[in-house]
PDB file of N, CA and C in Angstrom:
ATOM      1  N   MET A   1      85.827  88.683 109.549  1.00  0.00           N
ATOM      2  CA  MET A   1      85.253  87.948 110.634  1.00  0.00           C
ATOM      3  C   MET A   1      84.471  86.744 110.140  1.00  0.00           C
ATOM      4  N   VAL A   2      84.248  86.630 108.865  1.00  0.00           N
ATOM      5  CA  VAL A   2      83.523  85.480 108.347  1.00  0.00           C
ATOM      6  C   VAL A   2      84.545  84.396 108.065  1.00  0.00           C
ATOM      7  N   LEU A   3      84.392  83.278 108.726  1.00  0.00           N
ATOM      8  CA  LEU A   3      85.318  82.180 108.545  1.00  0.00           C
ATOM      9  C   LEU A   3      84.915  81.365 107.325  1.00  0.00           C
ATOM     10  N   HIS A   4      85.848  81.163 106.430  1.00  0.00           N
ATOM     11  CA  HIS A   4      85.572  80.443 105.196  1.00  0.00           C
ATOM     12  C   HIS A   4      85.699  78.948 105.435  1.00  0.00           C
ATOM     13  N   HIS A   5      84.797  78.195 104.881  1.00  0.00           N
ATOM     14  CA  HIS A   5      84.827  76.739 104.975  1.00  0.00           C
ATOM     15  C   HIS A   5      84.891  76.184 103.562  1.00  0.00           C
ATOM     16  N   PRO A   6      86.076  75.748 103.099  1.00  0.00           N
ATOM     17  CA  PRO A   6      86.191  75.256 101.731  1.00  0.00           C
ATOM     18  C   PRO A   6      85.254  74.081 101.472  1.00  0.00           C
ATOM     19  N   PRO A   7      84.592  74.063 100.326  1.00  0.00           N
ATOM     20  CA  PRO A   7      83.672  72.971 100.000  1.00  0.00           C
ATOM     21  C   PRO A   7      84.395  71.636 100.005  1.00  0.00           C
ATOM     22  N   GLY A   8      83.757  70.646 100.587  1.00  0.00           N
ATOM     23  CA  GLY A   8      84.296  69.296 100.548  1.00  0.00           C
ATOM     24  C   GLY A   8      85.310  68.987 101.612  1.00  0.00           C
ATOM     25  N   ILE A   9      85.704  69.944 102.441  1.00  0.00           N
ATOM     26  CA  ILE A   9      86.687  69.685 103.486  1.00  0.00           C
ATOM     27  C   ILE A   9      85.958  69.656 104.817  1.00  0.00           C
ATOM     28  N   GLY A  10      85.843  68.482 105.390  1.00  0.00           N
ATOM     29  CA  GLY A  10      85.185  68.348 106.679  1.00  0.00           C
ATOM     30  C   GLY A  10      83.685  68.587 106.620  1.00  0.00           C
ATOM     31  N   SER A  11      83.111  68.478 105.456  1.00  0.00           N
ATOM     32  CA  SER A  11      81.681  68.736 105.306  1.00  0.00           C
ATOM     33  C   SER A  11      80.988  67.462 104.843  1.00  0.00           C
ATOM     34  N   PRO A  12      79.659  67.417 104.927  1.00  0.00           N
ATOM     35  CA  PRO A  12      78.939  66.250 104.429  1.00  0.00           C
ATOM     36  C   PRO A  12      79.226  65.959 102.963  1.00  0.00           C
ATOM     37  N   ALA A  13      79.577  66.999 102.189  1.00  0.00           N
ATOM     38  CA  ALA A  13      79.890  66.780 100.780  1.00  0.00           C
ATOM     39  C   ALA A  13      81.111  65.882 100.626  1.00  0.00           C
ATOM     40  N   ALA A  14      82.036  65.942 101.601  1.00  0.00           N
ATOM     41  CA  ALA A  14      83.238  65.123 101.538  1.00  0.00           C
ATOM     42  C   ALA A  14      82.955  63.687 101.952  1.00  0.00           C
ATOM     43  N   ASP A  15      81.965  63.492 102.805  1.00  0.00           N
ATOM     44  CA  ASP A  15      81.649  62.159 103.309  1.00  0.00           C
ATOM     45  C   ASP A  15      80.139  62.052 103.489  1.00  0.00           C
ATOM     46  N   PRO A  16      79.433  61.499 102.501  1.00  0.00           N
ATOM     47  CA  PRO A  16      77.971  61.421 102.592  1.00  0.00           C
ATOM     48  C   PRO A  16      77.483  60.689 103.838  1.00  0.00           C
ATOM     49  N   ALA A  17      78.293  59.805 104.410  1.00  0.00           N
ATOM     50  CA  ALA A  17      77.882  59.093 105.619  1.00  0.00           C
ATOM     51  C   ALA A  17      77.737  60.040 106.804  1.00  0.00           C
ATOM     52  N   ARG A  18      78.399  61.194 106.750  1.00  0.00           N
ATOM     53  CA  ARG A  18      78.322  62.176 107.843  1.00  0.00           C
ATOM     54  C   ARG A  18      77.157  63.142 107.673  1.00  0.00           C
ATOM     55  N   ASP A  19      76.424  63.034 106.580  1.00  0.00           N
ATOM     56  CA  ASP A  19      75.333  63.974 106.331  1.00  0.00           C
ATOM     57  C   ASP A  19      74.281  63.835 107.428  1.00  0.00           C
ATOM     58  N   PRO A  20      74.050  64.896 108.227  1.00  0.00           N
ATOM     59  CA  PRO A  20      73.120  64.809 109.338  1.00  0.00           C
ATOM     60  C   PRO A  20      71.657  64.980 108.925  1.00  0.00           C
ATOM     61  N   GLY A  21      71.389  65.123 107.652  1.00  0.00           N
ATOM     62  CA  GLY A  21      70.008  65.251 107.214  1.00  0.00           C
ATOM     63  C   GLY A  21      69.640  66.680 106.882  1.00  0.00           C
ATOM     64  N   PRO A  22      68.342  66.989 106.915  1.00  0.00           N
ATOM     65  CA  PRO A  22      67.887  68.328 106.527  1.00  0.00           C
ATOM     66  C   PRO A  22      68.542  69.417 107.374  1.00  0.00           C
ATOM     67  N   ARG A  23      68.888  70.500 106.719  1.00  0.00           N
ATOM     68  CA  ARG A  23      69.550  71.604 107.402  1.00  0.00           C
ATOM     69  C   ARG A  23      68.592  72.765 107.588  1.00  0.00           C
ATOM     70  N   PRO A  24      68.721  73.469 108.724  1.00  0.00           N
ATOM     71  CA  PRO A  24      67.943  74.696 108.887  1.00  0.00           C
ATOM     72  C   PRO A  24      68.396  75.728 107.866  1.00  0.00           C
ATOM     73  N   ARG A  25      67.560  76.718 107.586  1.00  0.00           N
ATOM     74  CA  ARG A  25      67.860  77.676 106.531  1.00  0.00           C
ATOM     75  C   ARG A  25      68.560  78.937 107.000  1.00  0.00           C
ATOM     76  N   ALA A  26      68.380  79.365 108.248  1.00  0.00           N
ATOM     77  CA  ALA A  26      68.969  80.650 108.638  1.00  0.00           C
ATOM     78  C   ALA A  26      69.077  80.768 110.151  1.00  0.00           C
ATOM     79  N   GLY A  27      69.811  81.795 110.577  1.00  0.00           N
ATOM     80  CA  GLY A  27      69.865  82.179 111.979  1.00  0.00           C
ATOM     81  C   GLY A  27      70.709  81.266 112.839  1.00  0.00           C
ATOM     82  N   ARG A  28      70.433  81.315 114.133  1.00  0.00           N
ATOM     83  CA  ARG A  28      71.218  80.572 115.103  1.00  0.00           C
ATOM     84  C   ARG A  28      71.114  79.066 114.899  1.00  0.00           C
ATOM     85  N   ASP A  29      69.947  78.580 114.442  1.00  0.00           N
ATOM     86  CA  ASP A  29      69.806  77.146 114.214  1.00  0.00           C
ATOM     87  C   ASP A  29      70.775  76.661 113.142  1.00  0.00           C
ATOM     88  N   LEU A  30      70.926  77.427 112.084  1.00  0.00           N
ATOM     89  CA  LEU A  30      71.869  77.071 111.032  1.00  0.00           C
ATOM     90  C   LEU A  30      73.291  77.106 111.572  1.00  0.00           C
ATOM     91  N   HIS A  31      73.608  78.123 112.364  1.00  0.00           N
ATOM     92  CA  HIS A  31      74.942  78.242 112.954  1.00  0.00           C
ATOM     93  C   HIS A  31      75.247  77.024 113.819  1.00  0.00           C
ATOM     94  N   ARG A  32      74.323  76.613 114.660  1.00  0.00           N
ATOM     95  CA  ARG A  32      74.539  75.454 115.531  1.00  0.00           C
ATOM     96  C   ARG A  32      74.658  74.173 114.711  1.00  0.00           C
ATOM     97  N   HIS A  33      73.868  74.078 113.643  1.00  0.00           N
ATOM     98  CA  HIS A  33      73.936  72.915 112.765  1.00  0.00           C
ATOM     99  C   HIS A  33      75.332  72.813 112.145  1.00  0.00           C
ATOM    100  N   ARG A  34      75.810  73.911 111.601  1.00  0.00           N
ATOM    101  CA  ARG A  34      77.135  73.897 110.964  1.00  0.00           C
ATOM    102  C   ARG A  34      78.223  73.567 111.973  1.00  0.00           C
ATOM    103  N   ARG A  35      78.091  74.077 113.178  1.00  0.00           N
ATOM    104  CA  ARG A  35      79.095  73.797 114.203  1.00  0.00           C
ATOM    105  C   ARG A  35      79.132  72.302 114.499  1.00  0.00           C
ATOM    106  N   ARG A  36      77.962  71.687 114.592  1.00  0.00           N
ATOM    107  CA  ARG A  36      77.897  70.256 114.874  1.00  0.00           C
ATOM    108  C   ARG A  36      78.498  69.453 113.724  1.00  0.00           C
ATOM    109  N   VAL A  37      78.191  69.837 112.504  1.00  0.00           N
ATOM    110  CA  VAL A  37      78.682  69.113 111.334  1.00  0.00           C
ATOM    111  C   VAL A  37      80.197  69.205 111.221  1.00  0.00           C
ATOM    112  N   ARG A  38      80.768  70.375 111.529  1.00  0.00           N
ATOM    113  CA  ARG A  38      82.199  70.597 111.312  1.00  0.00           C
ATOM    114  C   ARG A  38      83.042  70.422 112.557  1.00  0.00           C
ATOM    115  N   ARG A  39      82.441  69.954 113.639  1.00  0.00           N
ATOM    116  CA  ARG A  39      83.195  69.870 114.892  1.00  0.00           C
ATOM    117  C   ARG A  39      84.513  69.115 114.690  1.00  0.00           C
ATOM    118  N   GLU A  40      84.449  68.011 114.002  1.00  0.00           N
ATOM    119  CA  GLU A  40      85.664  67.242 113.738  1.00  0.00           C
ATOM    120  C   GLU A  40      85.984  67.368 112.255  1.00  0.00           C
ATOM    121  N   GLY A  41      87.119  67.891 111.929  1.00  0.00           N
ATOM    122  CA  GLY A  41      87.477  68.049 110.527  1.00  0.00           C
ATOM    123  C   GLY A  41      88.957  68.305 110.376  1.00  0.00           C
ATOM    124  N   PRO A  42      89.451  68.230 109.161  1.00  0.00           N
ATOM    125  CA  PRO A  42      90.881  68.377 108.898  1.00  0.00           C
ATOM    126  C   PRO A  42      91.320  69.836 108.808  1.00  0.00           C
ATOM    127  N   GLN A  43      90.726  70.713 109.598  1.00  0.00           N
ATOM    128  CA  GLN A  43      91.032  72.124 109.470  1.00  0.00           C
ATOM    129  C   GLN A  43      92.127  72.583 110.422  1.00  0.00           C
ATOM    130  N   GLY A  44      92.678  71.679 111.199  1.00  0.00           N
ATOM    131  CA  GLY A  44      93.810  71.998 112.049  1.00  0.00           C
ATOM    132  C   GLY A  44      93.548  73.107 113.038  1.00  0.00           C
ATOM    133  N   ALA A  45      94.460  74.080 113.044  1.00  0.00           N
ATOM    134  CA  ALA A  45      94.387  75.180 114.013  1.00  0.00           C
ATOM    135  C   ALA A  45      93.139  76.027 113.850  1.00  0.00           C
ATOM    136  N   LEU A  46      92.574  76.050 112.644  1.00  0.00           N
ATOM    137  CA  LEU A  46      91.365  76.842 112.438  1.00  0.00           C
ATOM    138  C   LEU A  46      90.186  76.317 113.242  1.00  0.00           C
ATOM    139  N   THR A  47      90.199  75.021 113.556  1.00  0.00           N
ATOM    140  CA  THR A  47      89.110  74.448 114.341  1.00  0.00           C
ATOM    141  C   THR A  47      89.064  75.083 115.725  1.00  0.00           C
ATOM    142  N   ALA A  48      90.202  75.214 116.382  1.00  0.00           N
ATOM    143  CA  ALA A  48      90.249  75.828 117.710  1.00  0.00           C
ATOM    144  C   ALA A  48      89.845  77.298 117.630  1.00  0.00           C
ATOM    145  N   GLN A  49      90.312  77.984 116.608  1.00  0.00           N
ATOM    146  CA  GLN A  49      89.960  79.393 116.421  1.00  0.00           C
ATOM    147  C   GLN A  49      88.463  79.538 116.187  1.00  0.00           C
ATOM    148  N   ARG A  50      87.911  78.685 115.338  1.00  0.00           N
ATOM    149  CA  ARG A  50      86.478  78.727 115.064  1.00  0.00           C
ATOM    150  C   ARG A  50      85.667  78.414 116.314  1.00  0.00           C
ATOM    151  N   ASP A  51      86.116  77.448 117.104  1.00  0.00           N
ATOM    152  CA  ASP A  51      85.408  77.100 118.339  1.00  0.00           C
ATOM    153  C   ASP A  51      85.414  78.268 119.326  1.00  0.00           C
ATOM    154  N   ARG A  52      86.524  78.979 119.424  1.00  0.00           N
ATOM    155  CA  ARG A  52      86.581  80.149 120.309  1.00  0.00           C
ATOM    156  C   ARG A  52      85.633  81.246 119.814  1.00  0.00           C
ATOM    157  N   TRP A  53      85.589  81.449 118.497  1.00  0.00           N
ATOM    158  CA  TRP A  53      84.687  82.430 117.894  1.00  0.00           C
ATOM    159  C   TRP A  53      83.235  82.065 118.189  1.00  0.00           C
ATOM    160  N   GLU A  54      82.883  80.808 117.955  1.00  0.00           N
ATOM    161  CA  GLU A  54      81.516  80.365 118.184  1.00  0.00           C
ATOM    162  C   GLU A  54      81.134  80.453 119.656  1.00  0.00           C
ATOM    163  N   ALA A  55      82.068  80.125 120.552  1.00  0.00           N
ATOM    164  CA  ALA A  55      81.802  80.232 121.988  1.00  0.00           C
ATOM    165  C   ALA A  55      81.571  81.694 122.372  1.00  0.00           C
ATOM    166  N   PHE A  56      82.364  82.598 121.800  1.00  0.00           N
ATOM    167  CA  PHE A  56      82.194  84.027 122.057  1.00  0.00           C
ATOM    168  C   PHE A  56      80.781  84.458 121.676  1.00  0.00           C
ATOM    169  N   CYS A  57      80.331  84.050 120.498  1.00  0.00           N
ATOM    170  CA  CYS A  57      78.995  84.428 120.016  1.00  0.00           C
ATOM    171  C   CYS A  57      77.902  83.796 120.875  1.00  0.00           C
ATOM    172  N   GLU A  58      78.058  82.521 121.197  1.00  0.00           N
ATOM    173  CA  GLU A  58      77.044  81.835 121.997  1.00  0.00           C
ATOM    174  C   GLU A  58      76.961  82.401 123.406  1.00  0.00           C
ATOM    175  N   ASP A  59      78.095  82.771 123.988  1.00  0.00           N
ATOM    176  CA  ASP A  59      78.095  83.357 125.336  1.00  0.00           C
ATOM    177  C   ASP A  59      77.269  84.636 125.393  1.00  0.00           C
ATOM    178  N   ARG A  60      77.172  85.315 124.278  1.00  0.00           N
ATOM    179  CA  ARG A  60      76.419  86.579 124.210  1.00  0.00           C
ATOM    180  C   ARG A  60      75.045  86.390 123.576  1.00  0.00           C
ATOM    181  N   ASP A  61      74.714  85.148 123.251  1.00  0.00           N
ATOM    182  CA  ASP A  61      73.437  84.804 122.615  1.00  0.00           C
ATOM    183  C   ASP A  61      73.203  85.620 121.340  1.00  0.00           C
ATOM    184  N   LEU A  62      74.262  85.701 120.527  1.00  0.00           N
ATOM    185  CA  LEU A  62      74.203  86.441 119.266  1.00  0.00           C
ATOM    186  C   LEU A  62      74.640  85.524 118.134  1.00  0.00           C
ATOM    187  N   ALA A  63      74.092  85.755 116.975  1.00  0.00           N
ATOM    188  CA  ALA A  63      74.515  85.032 115.780  1.00  0.00           C
ATOM    189  C   ALA A  63      75.882  85.567 115.341  1.00  0.00           C
ATOM    190  N   PRO A  64      76.725  84.716 114.765  1.00  0.00           N
ATOM    191  CA  PRO A  64      78.047  85.174 114.324  1.00  0.00           C
ATOM    192  C   PRO A  64      77.996  86.366 113.373  1.00  0.00           C
ATOM    193  N   GLY A  65      77.015  86.379 112.481  1.00  0.00           N
ATOM    194  CA  GLY A  65      76.883  87.508 111.558  1.00  0.00           C
ATOM    195  C   GLY A  65      76.592  88.807 112.278  1.00  0.00           C
ATOM    196  N   GLN A  66      75.820  88.724 113.348  1.00  0.00           N
ATOM    197  CA  GLN A  66      75.517  89.921 114.126  1.00  0.00           C
ATOM    198  C   GLN A  66      76.780  90.446 114.810  1.00  0.00           C
ATOM    199  N   VAL A  67      77.568  89.539 115.367  1.00  0.00           N
ATOM    200  CA  VAL A  67      78.809  89.964 116.032  1.00  0.00           C
ATOM    201  C   VAL A  67      79.773  90.562 115.019  1.00  0.00           C
ATOM    202  N   ALA A  68      79.866  89.941 113.848  1.00  0.00           N
ATOM    203  CA  ALA A  68      80.769  90.456 112.815  1.00  0.00           C
ATOM    204  C   ALA A  68      80.353  91.866 112.384  1.00  0.00           C
ATOM    205  N   LEU A  69      79.056  92.074 112.180  1.00  0.00           N
ATOM    206  CA  LEU A  69      78.582  93.407 111.789  1.00  0.00           C
ATOM    207  C   LEU A  69      78.783  94.417 112.912  1.00  0.00           C
ATOM    208  N   ALA A  70      78.512  94.010 114.153  1.00  0.00           N
ATOM    209  CA  ALA A  70      78.720  94.909 115.291  1.00  0.00           C
ATOM    210  C   ALA A  70      80.198  95.283 115.401  1.00  0.00           C
ATOM    211  N   TRP A  71      81.082  94.311 115.179  1.00  0.00           N
ATOM    212  CA  TRP A  71      82.520  94.582 115.233  1.00  0.00           C
ATOM    213  C   TRP A  71      82.895  95.600 114.158  1.00  0.00           C
ATOM    214  N   LEU A  72      82.386  95.399 112.942  1.00  0.00           N
ATOM    215  CA  LEU A  72      82.679  96.347 111.863  1.00  0.00           C
ATOM    216  C   LEU A  72      82.210  97.757 112.216  1.00  0.00           C
ATOM    217  N   LEU A  73      81.027  97.853 112.815  1.00  0.00           N
ATOM    218  CA  LEU A  73      80.487  99.169 113.157  1.00  0.00           C
ATOM    219  C   LEU A  73      81.275  99.843 114.276  1.00  0.00           C
ATOM    220  N   HIS A  74      82.059  99.081 115.023  1.00  0.00           N
ATOM    221  CA  HIS A  74      82.906  99.647 116.076  1.00  0.00           C
ATOM    222  C   HIS A  74      84.281 100.069 115.543  1.00  0.00           C
ATOM    223  N   ARG A  75      84.579  99.773 114.290  1.00  0.00           N
ATOM    224  CA  ARG A  75      85.892 100.092 113.714  1.00  0.00           C
ATOM    225  C   ARG A  75      85.913 101.535 113.228  1.00  0.00           C
ATOM    226  N   PRO A  76      86.988 102.237 113.531  1.00  0.00           N
ATOM    227  CA  PRO A  76      87.095 103.604 113.009  1.00  0.00           C
ATOM    228  C   PRO A  76      87.196 103.578 111.480  1.00  0.00           C
ATOM    229  N   GLY A  77      86.502 104.495 110.871  1.00  0.00           N
ATOM    230  CA  GLY A  77      86.557 104.603 109.414  1.00  0.00           C
ATOM    231  C   GLY A  77      85.521 103.773 108.686  1.00  0.00           C
ATOM    232  N   VAL A  78      84.814 102.898 109.382  1.00  0.00           N
ATOM    233  CA  VAL A  78      83.766 102.109 108.735  1.00  0.00           C
ATOM    234  C   VAL A  78      82.463 102.887 108.846  1.00  0.00           C
ATOM    235  N   LEU A  79      81.974 103.345 107.724  1.00  0.00           N
ATOM    236  CA  LEU A  79      80.740 104.120 107.721  1.00  0.00           C
ATOM    237  C   LEU A  79      79.519 103.212 107.697  1.00  0.00           C
ATOM    238  N   GLY A  80      79.619 102.109 107.030  1.00  0.00           N
ATOM    239  CA  GLY A  80      78.517 101.160 106.970  1.00  0.00           C
ATOM    240  C   GLY A  80      78.960  99.911 106.250  1.00  0.00           C
ATOM    241  N   PRO A  81      78.846  98.765 106.905  1.00  0.00           N
ATOM    242  CA  PRO A  81      79.241  97.521 106.240  1.00  0.00           C
ATOM    243  C   PRO A  81      78.253  97.164 105.128  1.00  0.00           C
ATOM    244  N   ILE A  82      78.748  96.480 104.140  1.00  0.00           N
ATOM    245  CA  ILE A  82      77.902  96.026 103.043  1.00  0.00           C
ATOM    246  C   ILE A  82      77.383  94.648 103.410  1.00  0.00           C
ATOM    247  N   ILE A  83      76.076  94.489 103.374  1.00  0.00           N
ATOM    248  CA  ILE A  83      75.473  93.205 103.699  1.00  0.00           C
ATOM    249  C   ILE A  83      74.798  92.642 102.464  1.00  0.00           C
ATOM    250  N   GLY A  84      74.574  91.362 102.463  1.00  0.00           N
ATOM    251  CA  GLY A  84      73.901  90.718 101.330  1.00  0.00           C
ATOM    252  C   GLY A  84      72.925  89.664 101.801  1.00  0.00           C
ATOM    253  N   PRO A  85      71.895  90.073 102.524  1.00  0.00           N
ATOM    254  CA  PRO A  85      70.948  89.074 103.018  1.00  0.00           C
ATOM    255  C   PRO A  85      70.168  88.430 101.876  1.00  0.00           C
ATOM    256  N   ARG A  86      69.917  87.132 102.040  1.00  0.00           N
ATOM    257  CA  ARG A  86      69.104  86.417 101.060  1.00  0.00           C
ATOM    258  C   ARG A  86      67.680  86.207 101.557  1.00  0.00           C
ATOM    259  N   THR A  87      67.484  86.392 102.863  1.00  0.00           N
ATOM    260  CA  THR A  87      66.158  86.175 103.436  1.00  0.00           C
ATOM    261  C   THR A  87      65.799  87.351 104.341  1.00  0.00           C
ATOM    262  N   ILE A  88      64.530  87.471 104.651  1.00  0.00           N
ATOM    263  CA  ILE A  88      64.071  88.509 105.573  1.00  0.00           C
ATOM    264  C   ILE A  88      64.687  88.285 106.948  1.00  0.00           C
ATOM    265  N   GLU A  89      64.837  87.016 107.360  1.00  0.00           N
ATOM    266  CA  GLU A  89      65.435  86.716 108.664  1.00  0.00           C
ATOM    267  C   GLU A  89      66.871  87.228 108.731  1.00  0.00           C
ATOM    268  N   GLN A  90      67.627  87.057 107.654  1.00  0.00           N
ATOM    269  CA  GLN A  90      69.003  87.553 107.617  1.00  0.00           C
ATOM    270  C   GLN A  90      69.027  89.076 107.662  1.00  0.00           C
ATOM    271  N   LEU A  91      68.097  89.709 106.982  1.00  0.00           N
ATOM    272  CA  LEU A  91      68.019  91.167 107.011  1.00  0.00           C
ATOM    273  C   LEU A  91      67.681  91.646 108.419  1.00  0.00           C
ATOM    274  N   ASP A  92      66.708  91.011 109.059  1.00  0.00           N
ATOM    275  CA  ASP A  92      66.344  91.380 110.430  1.00  0.00           C
ATOM    276  C   ASP A  92      67.521  91.199 111.381  1.00  0.00           C
ATOM    277  N   SER A  93      68.259  90.124 111.218  1.00  0.00           N
ATOM    278  CA  SER A  93      69.425  89.865 112.056  1.00  0.00           C
ATOM    279  C   SER A  93      70.484  90.952 111.869  1.00  0.00           C
ATOM    280  N   ALA A  94      70.698  91.356 110.620  1.00  0.00           N
ATOM    281  CA  ALA A  94      71.679  92.409 110.336  1.00  0.00           C
ATOM    282  C   ALA A  94      71.244  93.746 110.927  1.00  0.00           C
ATOM    283  N   ILE A  95      69.969  94.038 110.854  1.00  0.00           N
ATOM    284  CA  ILE A  95      69.464  95.297 111.417  1.00  0.00           C
ATOM    285  C   ILE A  95      69.643  95.318 112.932  1.00  0.00           C
ATOM    286  N   GLU A  96      69.426  94.173 113.590  1.00  0.00           N
ATOM    287  CA  GLU A  96      69.613  94.081 115.038  1.00  0.00           C
ATOM    288  C   GLU A  96      71.062  94.356 115.441  1.00  0.00           C
ATOM    289  N   ALA A  97      72.005  94.056 114.548  1.00  0.00           N
ATOM    290  CA  ALA A  97      73.421  94.250 114.867  1.00  0.00           C
ATOM    291  C   ALA A  97      73.758  95.712 115.120  1.00  0.00           C
ATOM    292  N   VAL A  98      72.976  96.625 114.573  1.00  0.00           N
ATOM    293  CA  VAL A  98      73.227  98.060 114.766  1.00  0.00           C
ATOM    294  C   VAL A  98      73.137  98.435 116.240  1.00  0.00           C
ATOM    295  N   ASP A  99      72.285  97.742 116.987  1.00  0.00           N
ATOM    296  CA  ASP A  99      72.071  98.069 118.392  1.00  0.00           C
ATOM    297  C   ASP A  99      72.974  97.293 119.349  1.00  0.00           C
ATOM    298  N   ILE A 100      73.863  96.457 118.828  1.00  0.00           N
ATOM    299  CA  ILE A 100      74.751  95.673 119.685  1.00  0.00           C
ATOM    300  C   ILE A 100      75.936  96.531 120.090  1.00  0.00           C
ATOM    301  N   ALA A 101      76.139  96.640 121.388  1.00  0.00           N
ATOM    302  CA  ALA A 101      77.273  97.402 121.923  1.00  0.00           C
ATOM    303  C   ALA A 101      78.330  96.417 122.409  1.00  0.00           C
ATOM    304  N   LEU A 102      79.482  96.441 121.781  1.00  0.00           N
ATOM    305  CA  LEU A 102      80.599  95.599 122.212  1.00  0.00           C
ATOM    306  C   LEU A 102      81.482  96.412 123.148  1.00  0.00           C
ATOM    307  N   SER A 103      81.828  95.822 124.279  1.00  0.00           N
ATOM    308  CA  SER A 103      82.689  96.507 125.244  1.00  0.00           C
ATOM    309  C   SER A 103      84.135  96.473 124.758  1.00  0.00           C
ATOM    310  N   GLU A 104      84.983  97.229 125.407  1.00  0.00           N
ATOM    311  CA  GLU A 104      86.413  97.205 125.075  1.00  0.00           C
ATOM    312  C   GLU A 104      86.977  95.803 125.292  1.00  0.00           C
ATOM    313  N   ASP A 105      86.497  95.119 126.339  1.00  0.00           N
ATOM    314  CA  ASP A 105      86.947  93.745 126.586  1.00  0.00           C
ATOM    315  C   ASP A 105      86.496  92.816 125.461  1.00  0.00           C
ATOM    316  N   ASP A 106      85.262  93.007 124.963  1.00  0.00           N
ATOM    317  CA  ASP A 106      84.777  92.206 123.842  1.00  0.00           C
ATOM    318  C   ASP A 106      85.634  92.436 122.602  1.00  0.00           C
ATOM    319  N   LEU A 107      85.927  93.691 122.318  1.00  0.00           N
ATOM    320  CA  LEU A 107      86.737  94.009 121.133  1.00  0.00           C
ATOM    321  C   LEU A 107      88.139  93.422 121.261  1.00  0.00           C
ATOM    322  N   ALA A 108      88.718  93.479 122.460  1.00  0.00           N
ATOM    323  CA  ALA A 108      90.048  92.898 122.679  1.00  0.00           C
ATOM    324  C   ALA A 108      89.999  91.378 122.508  1.00  0.00           C
ATOM    325  N   ALA A 109      88.928  90.752 123.016  1.00  0.00           N
ATOM    326  CA  ALA A 109      88.788  89.303 122.872  1.00  0.00           C
ATOM    327  C   ALA A 109      88.653  88.920 121.400  1.00  0.00           C
ATOM    328  N   LEU A 110      87.878  89.682 120.648  1.00  0.00           N
ATOM    329  CA  LEU A 110      87.730  89.394 119.217  1.00  0.00           C
ATOM    330  C   LEU A 110      89.056  89.561 118.479  1.00  0.00           C
ATOM    331  N   ASP A 111      89.821  90.589 118.834  1.00  0.00           N
ATOM    332  CA  ASP A 111      91.127  90.779 118.194  1.00  0.00           C
ATOM    333  C   ASP A 111      92.080  89.638 118.529  1.00  0.00           C
ATOM    334  N   GLU A 112      91.923  89.058 119.710  1.00  0.00           N
ATOM    335  CA  GLU A 112      92.764  87.922 120.095  1.00  0.00           C
ATOM    336  C   GLU A 112      92.329  86.654 119.352  1.00  0.00           C
ATOM    337  N   ILE A 113      91.017  86.466 119.244  1.00  0.00           N
ATOM    338  CA  ILE A 113      90.496  85.272 118.568  1.00  0.00           C
ATOM    339  C   ILE A 113      90.792  85.315 117.073  1.00  0.00           C
ATOM    340  N   LEU A 114      90.566  86.464 116.455  1.00  0.00           N
ATOM    341  CA  LEU A 114      90.720  86.609 115.013  1.00  0.00           C
ATOM    342  C   LEU A 114      91.663  87.773 114.696  1.00  0.00           C
ATOM    343  N   PRO A 115      92.960  87.568 114.919  1.00  0.00           N
ATOM    344  CA  PRO A 115      93.890  88.660 114.652  1.00  0.00           C
ATOM    345  C   PRO A 115      93.995  88.942 113.154  1.00  0.00           C
ATOM    346  N   GLY A 116      94.221  90.180 112.836  1.00  0.00           N
ATOM    347  CA  GLY A 116      94.414  90.554 111.439  1.00  0.00           C
ATOM    348  C   GLY A 116      95.792  90.112 110.973  1.00  0.00           C
ATOM    349  N   PRO A 117      96.162  90.488 109.764  1.00  0.00           N
ATOM    350  CA  PRO A 117      97.451  90.072 109.214  1.00  0.00           C
ATOM    351  C   PRO A 117      98.631  90.787 109.848  1.00  0.00           C
ATOM    352  N   GLY A 118      98.364  91.822 110.630  1.00  0.00           N
ATOM    353  CA  GLY A 118      99.441  92.577 111.264  1.00  0.00           C
ATOM    354  C   GLY A 118      99.871  93.744 110.391  1.00  0.00           C
ATOM    355  N   GLY A 119     100.305  94.807 111.016  1.00  0.00           N
ATOM    356  CA  GLY A 119     100.729  95.980 110.273  1.00  0.00           C
ATOM    357  C   GLY A 119      99.582  96.906 109.966  1.00  0.00           C
ATOM    358  N   PRO A 120      99.912  98.104 109.496  1.00  0.00           N
ATOM    359  CA  PRO A 120      98.874  99.098 109.210  1.00  0.00           C
ATOM    360  C   PRO A 120      98.122  98.797 107.912  1.00  0.00           C
ATOM    361  N   ALA A 121      96.852  99.134 107.916  1.00  0.00           N
ATOM    362  CA  ALA A 121      96.054  98.996 106.695  1.00  0.00           C
ATOM    363  C   ALA A 121      96.331 100.226 105.832  1.00  0.00           C
ATOM    364  N   PRO A 122      96.247 100.153 104.562  1.00  0.00           N
ATOM    365  CA  PRO A 122      95.842  99.008 103.747  1.00  0.00           C
ATOM    366  C   PRO A 122      96.995  98.095 103.357  1.00  0.00           C
ATOM    367  N   GLU A 123      98.221  98.465 103.690  1.00  0.00           N
ATOM    368  CA  GLU A 123      99.376  97.677 103.255  1.00  0.00           C
ATOM    369  C   GLU A 123      99.313  96.238 103.751  1.00  0.00           C
ATOM    370  N   ALA A 124      98.879  96.044 104.994  1.00  0.00           N
ATOM    371  CA  ALA A 124      98.847  94.715 105.570  1.00  0.00           C
ATOM    372  C   ALA A 124      97.845  93.805 104.855  1.00  0.00           C
ATOM    373  N   TYR A 125      96.860  94.403 104.197  1.00  0.00           N
ATOM    374  CA  TYR A 125      95.837  93.620 103.537  1.00  0.00           C
ATOM    375  C   TYR A 125      96.071  93.507 102.030  1.00  0.00           C
ATOM    376  N   ALA A 126      97.112  94.115 101.529  1.00  0.00           N
ATOM    377  CA  ALA A 126      97.383  94.083 100.089  1.00  0.00           C
ATOM    378  C   ALA A 126      97.979  92.736  99.711  1.00  0.00           C
ATOM    379  N   TRP A 127      97.678  92.293  98.515  1.00  0.00           N
ATOM    380  CA  TRP A 127      98.212  91.052  98.015  1.00  0.00           C
ATOM    381  C   TRP A 127      99.498  91.362  97.336  1.00  0.00           C
TER     382      TRP A 127
END
């Protein structure tokens, strides 16, 4: 559920003229900052997918990391996701995700927005 953004592609690092200045350090402010910075970029179809993901999170007033952790906790066989917070705010956000209840409609919407590779695990995820 974590969308990767390759360094230098559609980011201020690729074009210093697009650098919007100081960046927030964590939470929803950082998420909104990144969305604004990457709104227009050479990421093709991923841009629409990312926008749908971000809209899903914003509609529920949740940070993307919280939704990703809540989604993991709703998956059968997941006993506990591994987190790596760097700040107390990130840790607090992750702890809040435990109490997020995603409806069946939410889970279906997430599967539509971010479909897996298809097929049964673990074969579908093997390289």
